[in-house]
């Protein structure tokens, strides 16, 4: 574990680590879970079967520990599963422009972000986010990095300064970098030591 005044990085299984956290001790969970589409992660087998098993544990646990949870639906076709098993309170449309990914009827220009709960400060935010996905596969040594502006837009509207943001699937550390820039406290969890090292290096660059 690496910890300073504003950031804490934990090497471990996010389900096990979140089970240790008190209820509603986190202001916002903003995360990008594995997609279940056979991406080549460092320490995770990204099969669809593993994705369903992971989400069954993650969603109720995230709702228990955090006042607000925002994460991708990981494919439009899975929205029906979410609304049957864990209905979100709202959706945010992330318009990211064409990434060249083919959807059921054509090119996939947007992605649904699931929203559970809201912050106690009752901050208001729109349900349409326009941030172009300018990160390429493999940037920062990660198969699916999110653009920094994506994390900044959400964090700035869903939290206030010094509040706690948790990313249980820390990956390339984009949420942590956004927290550092916006003066939020950050907790990142990942099973990959290499990914946490990438996160630490990116956060330290912001500090410099």
N, C-alpha and C. Protein backbone atom coordinates (compact mmCIF):
# COMPACT_ATOMS: atom_id res chain seq x y z
N UNK A 1 0.84 -1.21 0.00
CA UNK A 1 0.00 0.00 0.00
C UNK A 1 0.87 1.25 0.00
N UNK A 2 0.50 2.23 -0.78
CA UNK A 2 1.19 3.51 -0.84
C UNK A 2 0.19 4.58 -0.41
N UNK A 3 0.59 5.43 0.53
CA UNK A 3 -0.36 6.42 1.04
C UNK A 3 0.35 7.73 1.37
N UNK A 4 -0.30 8.84 1.00
CA UNK A 4 0.11 10.15 1.46
C UNK A 4 -1.14 10.92 1.87
N UNK A 5 -1.03 12.21 2.03
CA UNK A 5 -2.15 13.00 2.55
C UNK A 5 -3.38 12.94 1.67
N UNK A 6 -3.20 12.88 0.34
CA UNK A 6 -4.33 12.97 -0.58
C UNK A 6 -4.59 11.69 -1.39
N UNK A 7 -3.63 10.78 -1.44
CA UNK A 7 -3.78 9.59 -2.28
C UNK A 7 -3.40 8.32 -1.53
N UNK A 8 -4.17 7.26 -1.79
CA UNK A 8 -3.87 5.95 -1.23
C UNK A 8 -4.03 4.93 -2.35
N UNK A 9 -2.98 4.12 -2.58
CA UNK A 9 -3.01 3.08 -3.59
C UNK A 9 -2.90 1.74 -2.90
N UNK A 10 -3.83 0.83 -3.21
CA UNK A 10 -3.91 -0.46 -2.53
C UNK A 10 -3.77 -1.57 -3.56
N UNK A 11 -2.80 -2.45 -3.36
CA UNK A 11 -2.64 -3.64 -4.19
C UNK A 11 -3.50 -4.75 -3.60
N UNK A 12 -4.52 -5.17 -4.35
CA UNK A 12 -5.38 -6.22 -3.81
C UNK A 12 -6.65 -6.38 -4.63
N UNK A 13 -7.48 -7.31 -4.21
CA UNK A 13 -8.77 -7.57 -4.82
C UNK A 13 -9.77 -6.53 -4.33
N UNK A 14 -10.38 -5.80 -5.26
CA UNK A 14 -11.25 -4.69 -4.85
C UNK A 14 -12.46 -5.16 -4.05
N UNK A 15 -12.98 -6.35 -4.32
CA UNK A 15 -14.12 -6.85 -3.57
C UNK A 15 -13.73 -7.05 -2.11
N UNK A 16 -12.58 -7.68 -1.90
CA UNK A 16 -12.11 -7.92 -0.53
C UNK A 16 -11.79 -6.62 0.19
N UNK A 17 -11.21 -5.66 -0.53
CA UNK A 17 -10.85 -4.38 0.09
C UNK A 17 -12.08 -3.54 0.41
N UNK A 18 -13.07 -3.55 -0.48
CA UNK A 18 -14.28 -2.77 -0.24
C UNK A 18 -15.12 -3.35 0.90
N UNK A 19 -15.02 -4.65 1.10
CA UNK A 19 -15.76 -5.28 2.21
C UNK A 19 -15.27 -4.77 3.56
N UNK A 20 -14.06 -4.25 3.61
CA UNK A 20 -13.50 -3.72 4.85
C UNK A 20 -13.95 -2.28 5.12
N UNK A 21 -14.53 -1.62 4.12
CA UNK A 21 -14.84 -0.19 4.24
C UNK A 21 -16.19 0.03 4.92
N UNK A 22 -16.29 1.04 5.79
CA UNK A 22 -17.57 1.34 6.43
C UNK A 22 -18.62 1.81 5.42
N UNK A 23 -19.89 1.63 5.73
CA UNK A 23 -20.96 2.10 4.85
C UNK A 23 -20.88 3.62 4.61
N UNK A 24 -21.08 4.00 3.35
CA UNK A 24 -21.13 5.40 2.93
C UNK A 24 -19.89 6.20 3.36
N UNK A 25 -18.75 5.54 3.42
CA UNK A 25 -17.51 6.21 3.79
C UNK A 25 -16.83 6.87 2.59
N UNK A 26 -17.33 6.61 1.39
CA UNK A 26 -16.79 7.17 0.15
C UNK A 26 -17.80 8.14 -0.44
N UNK A 27 -17.33 9.27 -0.94
CA UNK A 27 -18.25 10.25 -1.54
C UNK A 27 -18.63 9.87 -2.98
N UNK A 28 -17.67 9.34 -3.73
CA UNK A 28 -17.93 8.96 -5.12
C UNK A 28 -17.06 7.78 -5.50
N UNK A 29 -17.67 6.75 -6.07
CA UNK A 29 -16.93 5.74 -6.80
C UNK A 29 -17.05 6.08 -8.28
N UNK A 30 -15.94 6.37 -8.89
CA UNK A 30 -15.88 6.56 -10.33
C UNK A 30 -14.88 5.55 -10.85
N UNK A 31 -15.33 4.67 -11.71
CA UNK A 31 -14.46 3.58 -12.13
C UNK A 31 -14.81 3.07 -13.51
N UNK A 32 -13.90 2.32 -14.07
CA UNK A 32 -14.06 1.73 -15.41
C UNK A 32 -13.75 0.24 -15.28
N UNK A 33 -14.75 -0.57 -14.93
CA UNK A 33 -14.50 -1.99 -14.70
C UNK A 33 -14.07 -2.70 -15.98
N UNK A 34 -13.53 -3.91 -15.85
CA UNK A 34 -13.28 -4.72 -17.05
C UNK A 34 -14.57 -4.88 -17.85
N UNK A 35 -14.44 -4.98 -19.17
CA UNK A 35 -15.62 -4.97 -20.04
C UNK A 35 -16.15 -6.36 -20.38
N UNK A 36 -15.40 -7.41 -20.07
CA UNK A 36 -15.87 -8.74 -20.42
C UNK A 36 -15.86 -9.00 -21.92
N UNK A 37 -14.86 -8.44 -22.60
CA UNK A 37 -14.77 -8.58 -24.06
C UNK A 37 -13.40 -9.11 -24.48
N UNK A 38 -12.74 -9.80 -23.55
CA UNK A 38 -11.44 -10.42 -23.82
C UNK A 38 -10.31 -9.43 -24.09
N UNK A 39 -10.35 -8.28 -23.40
CA UNK A 39 -9.20 -7.38 -23.44
C UNK A 39 -8.04 -8.04 -22.68
N UNK A 40 -6.83 -7.68 -23.04
CA UNK A 40 -5.65 -8.30 -22.45
C UNK A 40 -5.16 -7.47 -21.25
N UNK A 41 -5.81 -7.69 -20.10
CA UNK A 41 -5.37 -7.04 -18.87
C UNK A 41 -4.17 -7.80 -18.28
N UNK A 42 -3.47 -7.14 -17.40
CA UNK A 42 -2.27 -7.71 -16.80
C UNK A 42 -2.57 -8.94 -15.94
N UNK A 43 -3.56 -8.81 -15.03
CA UNK A 43 -3.81 -9.87 -14.05
C UNK A 43 -5.25 -10.36 -14.04
N UNK A 44 -6.01 -10.06 -15.07
CA UNK A 44 -7.44 -10.39 -15.05
C UNK A 44 -7.84 -11.06 -16.36
N UNK A 45 -8.60 -12.14 -16.26
CA UNK A 45 -9.10 -12.85 -17.43
C UNK A 45 -10.44 -12.25 -17.83
N UNK A 46 -10.47 -11.46 -18.89
CA UNK A 46 -11.61 -10.60 -19.24
C UNK A 46 -12.67 -11.33 -20.05
N UNK A 47 -13.17 -12.44 -19.53
CA UNK A 47 -14.24 -13.15 -20.21
C UNK A 47 -15.59 -12.58 -19.80
N UNK A 48 -16.60 -12.83 -20.62
CA UNK A 48 -17.94 -12.34 -20.30
C UNK A 48 -18.48 -13.02 -19.04
N UNK A 49 -18.19 -14.30 -18.87
CA UNK A 49 -18.64 -15.01 -17.68
C UNK A 49 -18.03 -14.40 -16.42
N UNK A 50 -16.75 -14.06 -16.46
CA UNK A 50 -16.10 -13.43 -15.31
C UNK A 50 -16.69 -12.05 -15.04
N UNK A 51 -17.08 -11.34 -16.11
CA UNK A 51 -17.66 -10.01 -15.95
C UNK A 51 -18.97 -10.09 -15.16
N UNK A 52 -19.87 -11.01 -15.54
CA UNK A 52 -21.14 -11.14 -14.82
C UNK A 52 -20.91 -11.51 -13.36
N UNK A 53 -20.00 -12.41 -13.12
CA UNK A 53 -19.69 -12.81 -11.74
C UNK A 53 -19.15 -11.64 -10.93
N UNK A 54 -18.28 -10.84 -11.55
CA UNK A 54 -17.69 -9.68 -10.87
C UNK A 54 -18.75 -8.63 -10.57
N UNK A 55 -19.60 -8.31 -11.54
CA UNK A 55 -20.62 -7.28 -11.34
C UNK A 55 -21.65 -7.67 -10.29
N UNK A 56 -21.96 -8.96 -10.19
CA UNK A 56 -22.90 -9.43 -9.16
C UNK A 56 -22.40 -9.07 -7.76
N UNK A 57 -21.09 -9.09 -7.58
CA UNK A 57 -20.51 -8.75 -6.28
C UNK A 57 -20.25 -7.25 -6.16
N UNK A 58 -19.80 -6.65 -7.25
CA UNK A 58 -19.32 -5.26 -7.18
C UNK A 58 -20.44 -4.24 -6.99
N UNK A 59 -21.52 -4.32 -7.75
CA UNK A 59 -22.54 -3.27 -7.73
C UNK A 59 -23.17 -3.10 -6.34
N UNK A 60 -23.67 -4.17 -5.69
CA UNK A 60 -24.25 -3.95 -4.35
C UNK A 60 -23.22 -3.48 -3.33
N UNK A 61 -21.99 -3.94 -3.46
CA UNK A 61 -20.94 -3.52 -2.53
C UNK A 61 -20.59 -2.05 -2.73
N UNK A 62 -20.52 -1.62 -3.99
CA UNK A 62 -20.24 -0.22 -4.30
C UNK A 62 -21.33 0.69 -3.74
N UNK A 63 -22.58 0.27 -3.88
CA UNK A 63 -23.69 1.05 -3.35
C UNK A 63 -23.64 1.13 -1.83
N UNK A 64 -23.12 0.12 -1.19
CA UNK A 64 -23.04 0.12 0.28
C UNK A 64 -21.98 1.10 0.78
N UNK A 65 -20.81 1.12 0.13
CA UNK A 65 -19.70 1.91 0.68
C UNK A 65 -19.68 3.35 0.19
N UNK A 66 -20.41 3.67 -0.90
CA UNK A 66 -20.30 5.01 -1.49
C UNK A 66 -21.65 5.71 -1.59
N UNK A 67 -21.62 7.01 -1.43
CA UNK A 67 -22.83 7.81 -1.56
C UNK A 67 -23.29 7.90 -3.01
N UNK A 68 -22.34 7.79 -3.94
CA UNK A 68 -22.66 7.89 -5.36
C UNK A 68 -21.71 6.98 -6.13
N UNK A 69 -22.23 6.29 -7.14
CA UNK A 69 -21.43 5.39 -7.97
C UNK A 69 -21.70 5.72 -9.44
N UNK A 70 -20.62 5.90 -10.21
CA UNK A 70 -20.75 6.14 -11.64
C UNK A 70 -19.76 5.23 -12.36
N UNK A 71 -20.28 4.43 -13.29
CA UNK A 71 -19.41 3.54 -14.06
C UNK A 71 -20.09 3.19 -15.39
N UNK A 72 -19.31 2.79 -16.39
CA UNK A 72 -19.89 2.40 -17.67
C UNK A 72 -20.73 1.15 -17.56
N UNK A 73 -21.69 1.02 -18.47
CA UNK A 73 -22.52 -0.18 -18.51
C UNK A 73 -21.79 -1.35 -19.17
N UNK A 74 -20.66 -1.07 -19.79
CA UNK A 74 -19.86 -2.13 -20.42
C UNK A 74 -20.69 -2.87 -21.48
N UNK A 75 -21.10 -2.16 -22.49
CA UNK A 75 -21.92 -2.60 -23.63
C UNK A 75 -23.40 -2.27 -23.41
N UNK A 76 -23.99 -1.66 -24.42
CA UNK A 76 -25.40 -1.28 -24.38
C UNK A 76 -26.30 -2.48 -24.14
N UNK A 77 -25.95 -3.63 -24.71
CA UNK A 77 -26.83 -4.81 -24.62
C UNK A 77 -26.98 -5.29 -23.18
N UNK A 78 -26.09 -4.85 -22.28
CA UNK A 78 -26.17 -5.30 -20.90
C UNK A 78 -27.05 -4.41 -20.02
N UNK A 79 -27.59 -3.34 -20.59
CA UNK A 79 -28.46 -2.47 -19.80
C UNK A 79 -29.67 -3.22 -19.26
N UNK A 80 -30.21 -4.13 -20.06
CA UNK A 80 -31.35 -4.93 -19.60
C UNK A 80 -31.00 -5.75 -18.38
N UNK A 81 -29.80 -6.30 -18.35
CA UNK A 81 -29.35 -7.08 -17.19
C UNK A 81 -29.25 -6.20 -15.97
N UNK A 82 -28.69 -5.00 -16.13
CA UNK A 82 -28.57 -4.08 -15.00
C UNK A 82 -29.93 -3.70 -14.45
N UNK A 83 -30.88 -3.35 -15.35
CA UNK A 83 -32.19 -2.91 -14.88
C UNK A 83 -32.98 -4.04 -14.24
N UNK A 84 -32.65 -5.28 -14.58
CA UNK A 84 -33.29 -6.43 -13.95
C UNK A 84 -32.67 -6.73 -12.59
N UNK A 85 -31.34 -6.66 -12.51
CA UNK A 85 -30.62 -7.06 -11.31
C UNK A 85 -30.33 -5.89 -10.36
N UNK A 86 -29.81 -4.79 -10.92
CA UNK A 86 -29.40 -3.64 -10.10
C UNK A 86 -29.79 -2.35 -10.81
N UNK A 87 -31.07 -1.95 -10.75
CA UNK A 87 -31.54 -0.77 -11.51
C UNK A 87 -30.80 0.49 -11.09
N UNK A 88 -30.20 1.20 -12.04
CA UNK A 88 -29.54 2.47 -11.70
C UNK A 88 -30.58 3.56 -11.44
N UNK A 89 -30.17 4.59 -10.72
CA UNK A 89 -31.05 5.73 -10.50
C UNK A 89 -31.13 6.63 -11.72
N UNK A 90 -30.08 6.60 -12.54
CA UNK A 90 -30.04 7.46 -13.71
C UNK A 90 -28.98 6.97 -14.67
N UNK A 91 -28.98 7.51 -15.87
CA UNK A 91 -27.94 7.24 -16.85
C UNK A 91 -27.34 8.56 -17.33
N UNK A 92 -26.06 8.54 -17.61
CA UNK A 92 -25.40 9.66 -18.29
C UNK A 92 -24.97 9.17 -19.66
N UNK A 93 -25.29 9.92 -20.67
CA UNK A 93 -24.84 9.60 -22.02
C UNK A 93 -23.46 10.22 -22.24
N UNK A 94 -22.46 9.37 -22.41
CA UNK A 94 -21.12 9.86 -22.75
C UNK A 94 -20.95 9.80 -24.27
N UNK A 95 -21.03 10.97 -24.91
CA UNK A 95 -20.79 11.03 -26.35
C UNK A 95 -19.29 11.17 -26.56
N UNK A 96 -18.70 10.18 -27.19
CA UNK A 96 -17.24 10.14 -27.33
C UNK A 96 -16.77 10.19 -28.77
N UNK A 97 -17.72 10.34 -29.72
CA UNK A 97 -17.32 10.34 -31.12
C UNK A 97 -17.01 8.91 -31.55
N UNK A 98 -16.96 8.70 -32.83
CA UNK A 98 -16.73 7.36 -33.34
C UNK A 98 -15.32 6.90 -33.00
N UNK A 99 -15.24 5.76 -32.35
CA UNK A 99 -13.94 5.17 -32.03
C UNK A 99 -13.57 4.06 -33.00
N UNK A 100 -14.43 3.85 -34.00
CA UNK A 100 -14.19 2.76 -34.93
C UNK A 100 -14.73 1.43 -34.45
N UNK A 101 -15.34 1.42 -33.23
CA UNK A 101 -15.92 0.19 -32.70
C UNK A 101 -17.31 -0.01 -33.29
N UNK A 102 -17.55 -1.17 -33.82
CA UNK A 102 -18.83 -1.46 -34.45
C UNK A 102 -19.82 -1.97 -33.41
N UNK A 103 -21.01 -1.38 -33.40
CA UNK A 103 -22.07 -1.82 -32.51
C UNK A 103 -23.03 -2.72 -33.30
N UNK A 104 -24.17 -3.05 -32.70
CA UNK A 104 -25.13 -3.96 -33.33
C UNK A 104 -25.62 -3.44 -34.67
N UNK A 105 -25.86 -2.11 -34.77
CA UNK A 105 -26.41 -1.56 -36.01
C UNK A 105 -25.43 -0.67 -36.77
N UNK A 106 -24.28 -0.40 -36.21
CA UNK A 106 -23.34 0.50 -36.89
C UNK A 106 -22.19 0.85 -35.98
N UNK A 107 -21.75 2.09 -36.05
CA UNK A 107 -20.63 2.51 -35.21
C UNK A 107 -21.12 3.04 -33.86
N UNK A 108 -20.37 2.76 -32.84
CA UNK A 108 -20.74 3.07 -31.46
C UNK A 108 -20.16 4.43 -31.07
N UNK A 109 -20.99 5.49 -31.12
CA UNK A 109 -20.53 6.85 -30.87
C UNK A 109 -20.77 7.31 -29.43
N UNK A 110 -21.46 6.53 -28.64
CA UNK A 110 -21.74 6.94 -27.26
C UNK A 110 -21.74 5.72 -26.35
N UNK A 111 -21.69 5.99 -25.06
CA UNK A 111 -21.67 4.93 -24.06
C UNK A 111 -22.52 5.36 -22.88
N UNK A 112 -23.26 4.40 -22.32
CA UNK A 112 -24.11 4.69 -21.16
C UNK A 112 -23.30 4.55 -19.88
N UNK A 113 -23.36 5.58 -19.03
CA UNK A 113 -22.76 5.52 -17.71
C UNK A 113 -23.86 5.33 -16.68
N UNK A 114 -23.73 4.31 -15.85
CA UNK A 114 -24.72 4.02 -14.81
C UNK A 114 -24.49 4.96 -13.62
N UNK A 115 -25.57 5.46 -13.04
CA UNK A 115 -25.48 6.34 -11.88
C UNK A 115 -26.33 5.77 -10.75
N UNK A 116 -25.68 5.54 -9.61
CA UNK A 116 -26.38 5.09 -8.40
C UNK A 116 -26.18 6.14 -7.31
N UNK A 117 -27.29 6.60 -6.72
CA UNK A 117 -27.21 7.54 -5.61
C UNK A 117 -26.81 8.94 -6.06
N UNK A 118 -26.55 9.78 -5.06
CA UNK A 118 -26.08 11.13 -5.32
C UNK A 118 -25.34 11.62 -4.08
N UNK A 119 -24.55 12.66 -4.26
CA UNK A 119 -23.77 13.17 -3.13
C UNK A 119 -24.68 13.89 -2.14
N UNK A 120 -24.23 13.95 -0.89
CA UNK A 120 -25.03 14.61 0.15
C UNK A 120 -25.13 16.11 -0.10
N UNK A 121 -24.19 16.65 -0.88
CA UNK A 121 -24.19 18.08 -1.16
C UNK A 121 -25.23 18.47 -2.21
N UNK A 122 -25.85 17.45 -2.81
CA UNK A 122 -26.89 17.67 -3.82
C UNK A 122 -26.40 18.59 -4.94
N UNK A 123 -25.23 18.27 -5.42
CA UNK A 123 -24.71 19.00 -6.58
C UNK A 123 -25.50 18.58 -7.81
N UNK A 124 -25.64 19.50 -8.75
CA UNK A 124 -26.40 19.21 -9.96
C UNK A 124 -25.47 19.04 -11.15
N UNK A 125 -25.78 18.07 -11.99
CA UNK A 125 -24.98 17.83 -13.18
C UNK A 125 -25.89 17.40 -14.31
N UNK A 126 -25.46 17.64 -15.53
CA UNK A 126 -26.25 17.23 -16.70
C UNK A 126 -26.04 15.74 -16.98
N UNK A 127 -26.95 15.17 -17.75
CA UNK A 127 -26.84 13.74 -18.07
C UNK A 127 -26.29 13.52 -19.49
N UNK A 128 -25.58 14.51 -20.00
CA UNK A 128 -24.93 14.38 -21.31
C UNK A 128 -23.50 14.89 -21.19
N UNK A 129 -22.56 14.03 -21.49
CA UNK A 129 -21.14 14.34 -21.38
C UNK A 129 -20.50 14.18 -22.75
N UNK A 130 -19.89 15.25 -23.23
CA UNK A 130 -19.22 15.20 -24.54
C UNK A 130 -17.72 15.34 -24.34
N UNK A 131 -17.03 14.23 -24.38
CA UNK A 131 -15.57 14.18 -24.29
C UNK A 131 -15.10 13.16 -25.31
N UNK A 132 -14.30 13.60 -26.25
CA UNK A 132 -13.80 12.68 -27.27
C UNK A 132 -12.77 11.73 -26.66
N UNK A 133 -12.87 10.48 -27.03
CA UNK A 133 -11.97 9.47 -26.50
C UNK A 133 -10.67 9.48 -27.31
N UNK A 134 -9.72 10.30 -26.86
CA UNK A 134 -8.47 10.46 -27.59
C UNK A 134 -7.36 9.53 -27.10
N UNK A 135 -7.71 8.63 -26.17
CA UNK A 135 -6.73 7.67 -25.69
C UNK A 135 -6.74 6.42 -26.57
N UNK A 136 -5.58 5.98 -26.94
CA UNK A 136 -5.47 4.80 -27.77
C UNK A 136 -5.21 3.57 -26.92
N UNK A 137 -5.64 2.44 -27.42
CA UNK A 137 -5.40 1.17 -26.75
C UNK A 137 -3.90 1.00 -26.50
N UNK A 138 -3.55 0.72 -25.28
CA UNK A 138 -2.14 0.53 -24.95
C UNK A 138 -1.46 1.74 -24.36
N UNK A 139 -2.14 2.91 -24.39
CA UNK A 139 -1.55 4.10 -23.74
C UNK A 139 -1.32 3.82 -22.25
N UNK A 140 -0.19 4.26 -21.75
CA UNK A 140 0.21 4.06 -20.35
C UNK A 140 0.38 2.57 -20.01
N UNK A 141 0.49 1.73 -21.03
CA UNK A 141 0.65 0.31 -20.77
C UNK A 141 -0.63 -0.38 -20.34
N UNK A 142 -1.78 0.19 -20.72
CA UNK A 142 -3.08 -0.35 -20.32
C UNK A 142 -3.95 -0.53 -21.57
N UNK A 143 -4.75 -1.61 -21.63
CA UNK A 143 -5.52 -1.87 -22.85
C UNK A 143 -6.72 -0.96 -23.07
N UNK A 144 -7.19 -0.24 -22.02
CA UNK A 144 -8.40 0.56 -22.19
C UNK A 144 -8.38 1.81 -21.30
N UNK A 145 -7.43 2.73 -21.52
CA UNK A 145 -7.38 3.94 -20.68
C UNK A 145 -8.52 4.90 -21.03
N UNK A 146 -9.01 5.60 -20.03
CA UNK A 146 -10.04 6.61 -20.24
C UNK A 146 -9.39 7.99 -20.37
N UNK A 147 -10.01 8.89 -21.14
CA UNK A 147 -9.46 10.24 -21.27
C UNK A 147 -9.57 11.01 -19.96
N UNK A 148 -8.58 11.83 -19.68
CA UNK A 148 -8.55 12.59 -18.43
C UNK A 148 -9.75 13.52 -18.32
N UNK A 149 -10.16 14.14 -19.40
CA UNK A 149 -11.29 15.07 -19.38
C UNK A 149 -12.58 14.37 -18.96
N UNK A 150 -12.71 13.10 -19.26
CA UNK A 150 -13.88 12.30 -18.85
C UNK A 150 -13.97 12.26 -17.33
N UNK A 151 -12.86 11.92 -16.68
CA UNK A 151 -12.85 11.84 -15.21
C UNK A 151 -13.00 13.22 -14.58
N UNK A 152 -12.37 14.23 -15.14
CA UNK A 152 -12.44 15.58 -14.58
C UNK A 152 -13.87 16.11 -14.62
N UNK A 153 -14.55 15.91 -15.73
CA UNK A 153 -15.93 16.41 -15.90
C UNK A 153 -16.83 15.84 -14.81
N UNK A 154 -16.73 14.54 -14.57
CA UNK A 154 -17.60 13.87 -13.59
C UNK A 154 -17.22 14.26 -12.17
N UNK A 155 -15.95 14.19 -11.85
CA UNK A 155 -15.50 14.47 -10.48
C UNK A 155 -15.81 15.91 -10.07
N UNK A 156 -15.61 16.84 -10.99
CA UNK A 156 -15.85 18.25 -10.69
C UNK A 156 -17.31 18.53 -10.38
N UNK A 157 -18.21 17.75 -10.97
CA UNK A 157 -19.64 17.98 -10.79
C UNK A 157 -20.26 17.12 -9.69
N UNK A 158 -19.64 15.99 -9.40
CA UNK A 158 -20.23 15.06 -8.43
C UNK A 158 -19.65 15.20 -7.03
N UNK A 159 -18.54 15.92 -6.88
CA UNK A 159 -17.90 16.05 -5.57
C UNK A 159 -17.41 17.47 -5.35
N UNK A 160 -17.04 17.74 -4.10
CA UNK A 160 -16.40 19.00 -3.75
C UNK A 160 -14.96 18.74 -3.33
N UNK A 161 -14.18 19.79 -3.21
CA UNK A 161 -12.78 19.64 -2.83
C UNK A 161 -12.64 18.90 -1.50
N UNK A 162 -11.61 18.05 -1.44
CA UNK A 162 -11.26 17.25 -0.26
C UNK A 162 -12.18 16.07 0.00
N UNK A 163 -13.20 15.89 -0.82
CA UNK A 163 -14.02 14.69 -0.67
C UNK A 163 -13.27 13.49 -1.25
N UNK A 164 -13.77 12.29 -0.93
CA UNK A 164 -13.05 11.05 -1.26
C UNK A 164 -13.63 10.39 -2.49
N UNK A 165 -12.76 10.11 -3.45
CA UNK A 165 -13.14 9.41 -4.68
C UNK A 165 -12.40 8.07 -4.70
N UNK A 166 -13.13 7.00 -4.92
CA UNK A 166 -12.56 5.66 -4.98
C UNK A 166 -12.66 5.11 -6.40
N UNK A 167 -11.55 4.56 -6.89
CA UNK A 167 -11.56 3.81 -8.15
C UNK A 167 -11.12 2.38 -7.83
N UNK A 168 -12.07 1.44 -7.74
CA UNK A 168 -11.73 0.07 -7.37
C UNK A 168 -10.99 -0.70 -8.48
N UNK A 169 -11.08 -0.22 -9.72
CA UNK A 169 -10.37 -0.82 -10.84
C UNK A 169 -9.43 0.24 -11.40
N UNK A 170 -8.38 0.51 -10.67
CA UNK A 170 -7.55 1.70 -10.86
C UNK A 170 -6.94 1.80 -12.26
N UNK A 171 -6.51 0.67 -12.80
CA UNK A 171 -5.99 0.66 -14.17
C UNK A 171 -4.84 1.61 -14.39
N UNK A 172 -4.99 2.49 -15.38
CA UNK A 172 -3.91 3.42 -15.73
C UNK A 172 -3.88 4.67 -14.86
N UNK A 173 -4.82 4.78 -13.91
CA UNK A 173 -4.76 5.86 -12.94
C UNK A 173 -5.38 7.18 -13.34
N UNK A 174 -6.22 7.18 -14.38
CA UNK A 174 -6.80 8.43 -14.86
C UNK A 174 -7.62 9.13 -13.79
N UNK A 175 -8.42 8.38 -13.03
CA UNK A 175 -9.24 8.99 -11.97
C UNK A 175 -8.34 9.60 -10.90
N UNK A 176 -7.25 8.94 -10.57
CA UNK A 176 -6.32 9.47 -9.59
C UNK A 176 -5.67 10.77 -10.04
N UNK A 177 -5.30 10.85 -11.31
CA UNK A 177 -4.71 12.07 -11.85
C UNK A 177 -5.72 13.21 -11.79
N UNK A 178 -6.98 12.92 -12.16
CA UNK A 178 -8.02 13.96 -12.10
C UNK A 178 -8.24 14.43 -10.68
N UNK A 179 -8.22 13.51 -9.72
CA UNK A 179 -8.39 13.89 -8.32
C UNK A 179 -7.27 14.80 -7.86
N UNK A 180 -6.05 14.50 -8.25
CA UNK A 180 -4.92 15.33 -7.88
C UNK A 180 -5.08 16.75 -8.44
N UNK A 181 -5.50 16.86 -9.68
CA UNK A 181 -5.67 18.16 -10.31
C UNK A 181 -6.80 18.96 -9.67
N UNK A 182 -7.84 18.25 -9.19
CA UNK A 182 -9.04 18.91 -8.68
C UNK A 182 -9.08 18.96 -7.14
N UNK A 183 -8.01 18.54 -6.50
CA UNK A 183 -7.90 18.60 -5.03
C UNK A 183 -8.97 17.74 -4.35
N UNK A 184 -9.08 16.50 -4.82
CA UNK A 184 -9.91 15.50 -4.15
C UNK A 184 -9.01 14.41 -3.58
N UNK A 185 -9.45 13.81 -2.49
CA UNK A 185 -8.72 12.68 -1.94
C UNK A 185 -9.04 11.43 -2.77
N UNK A 186 -8.03 10.61 -3.01
CA UNK A 186 -8.19 9.50 -3.94
C UNK A 186 -7.75 8.19 -3.31
N UNK A 187 -8.57 7.15 -3.54
CA UNK A 187 -8.20 5.78 -3.19
C UNK A 187 -8.27 4.95 -4.46
N UNK A 188 -7.19 4.30 -4.80
CA UNK A 188 -7.15 3.44 -5.98
C UNK A 188 -6.81 2.02 -5.59
N UNK A 189 -7.56 1.06 -6.13
CA UNK A 189 -7.31 -0.36 -5.86
C UNK A 189 -7.09 -1.08 -7.18
N UNK A 190 -6.11 -1.96 -7.21
CA UNK A 190 -5.91 -2.79 -8.40
C UNK A 190 -5.17 -4.06 -8.00
N UNK A 191 -5.42 -5.13 -8.76
CA UNK A 191 -4.73 -6.39 -8.50
C UNK A 191 -3.37 -6.44 -9.19
N UNK A 192 -3.10 -5.44 -10.04
CA UNK A 192 -1.84 -5.41 -10.78
C UNK A 192 -0.86 -4.42 -10.16
N UNK A 193 0.27 -4.92 -9.75
CA UNK A 193 1.31 -4.03 -9.23
C UNK A 193 1.81 -3.09 -10.30
N UNK A 194 1.88 -3.57 -11.53
CA UNK A 194 2.35 -2.73 -12.64
C UNK A 194 1.41 -1.56 -12.88
N UNK A 195 0.09 -1.80 -12.83
CA UNK A 195 -0.87 -0.73 -13.06
C UNK A 195 -0.80 0.32 -11.93
N UNK A 196 -0.60 -0.14 -10.70
CA UNK A 196 -0.47 0.81 -9.60
C UNK A 196 0.80 1.64 -9.73
N UNK A 197 1.86 1.04 -10.26
CA UNK A 197 3.09 1.78 -10.50
C UNK A 197 2.86 2.85 -11.56
N UNK A 198 2.10 2.53 -12.59
CA UNK A 198 1.75 3.52 -13.63
C UNK A 198 0.95 4.66 -13.00
N UNK A 199 -0.03 4.31 -12.16
CA UNK A 199 -0.85 5.32 -11.49
C UNK A 199 0.01 6.24 -10.63
N UNK A 200 0.89 5.65 -9.84
CA UNK A 200 1.76 6.43 -8.96
C UNK A 200 2.63 7.39 -9.77
N UNK A 201 3.19 6.92 -10.85
CA UNK A 201 4.04 7.76 -11.68
C UNK A 201 3.26 8.92 -12.30
N UNK A 202 2.04 8.65 -12.73
CA UNK A 202 1.22 9.71 -13.33
C UNK A 202 0.80 10.74 -12.28
N UNK A 203 0.42 10.29 -11.08
CA UNK A 203 0.05 11.22 -10.02
C UNK A 203 1.25 12.07 -9.61
N UNK A 204 2.41 11.45 -9.50
CA UNK A 204 3.62 12.18 -9.12
C UNK A 204 3.99 13.23 -10.15
N UNK A 205 3.70 12.95 -11.39
CA UNK A 205 3.96 13.95 -12.45
C UNK A 205 3.10 15.18 -12.24
N UNK A 206 1.86 14.97 -11.85
CA UNK A 206 0.97 16.10 -11.55
C UNK A 206 1.49 16.88 -10.35
N UNK A 207 1.99 16.19 -9.35
CA UNK A 207 2.51 16.83 -8.14
C UNK A 207 3.70 17.73 -8.50
N UNK A 208 4.54 17.27 -9.41
CA UNK A 208 5.69 18.06 -9.79
C UNK A 208 5.29 19.32 -10.52
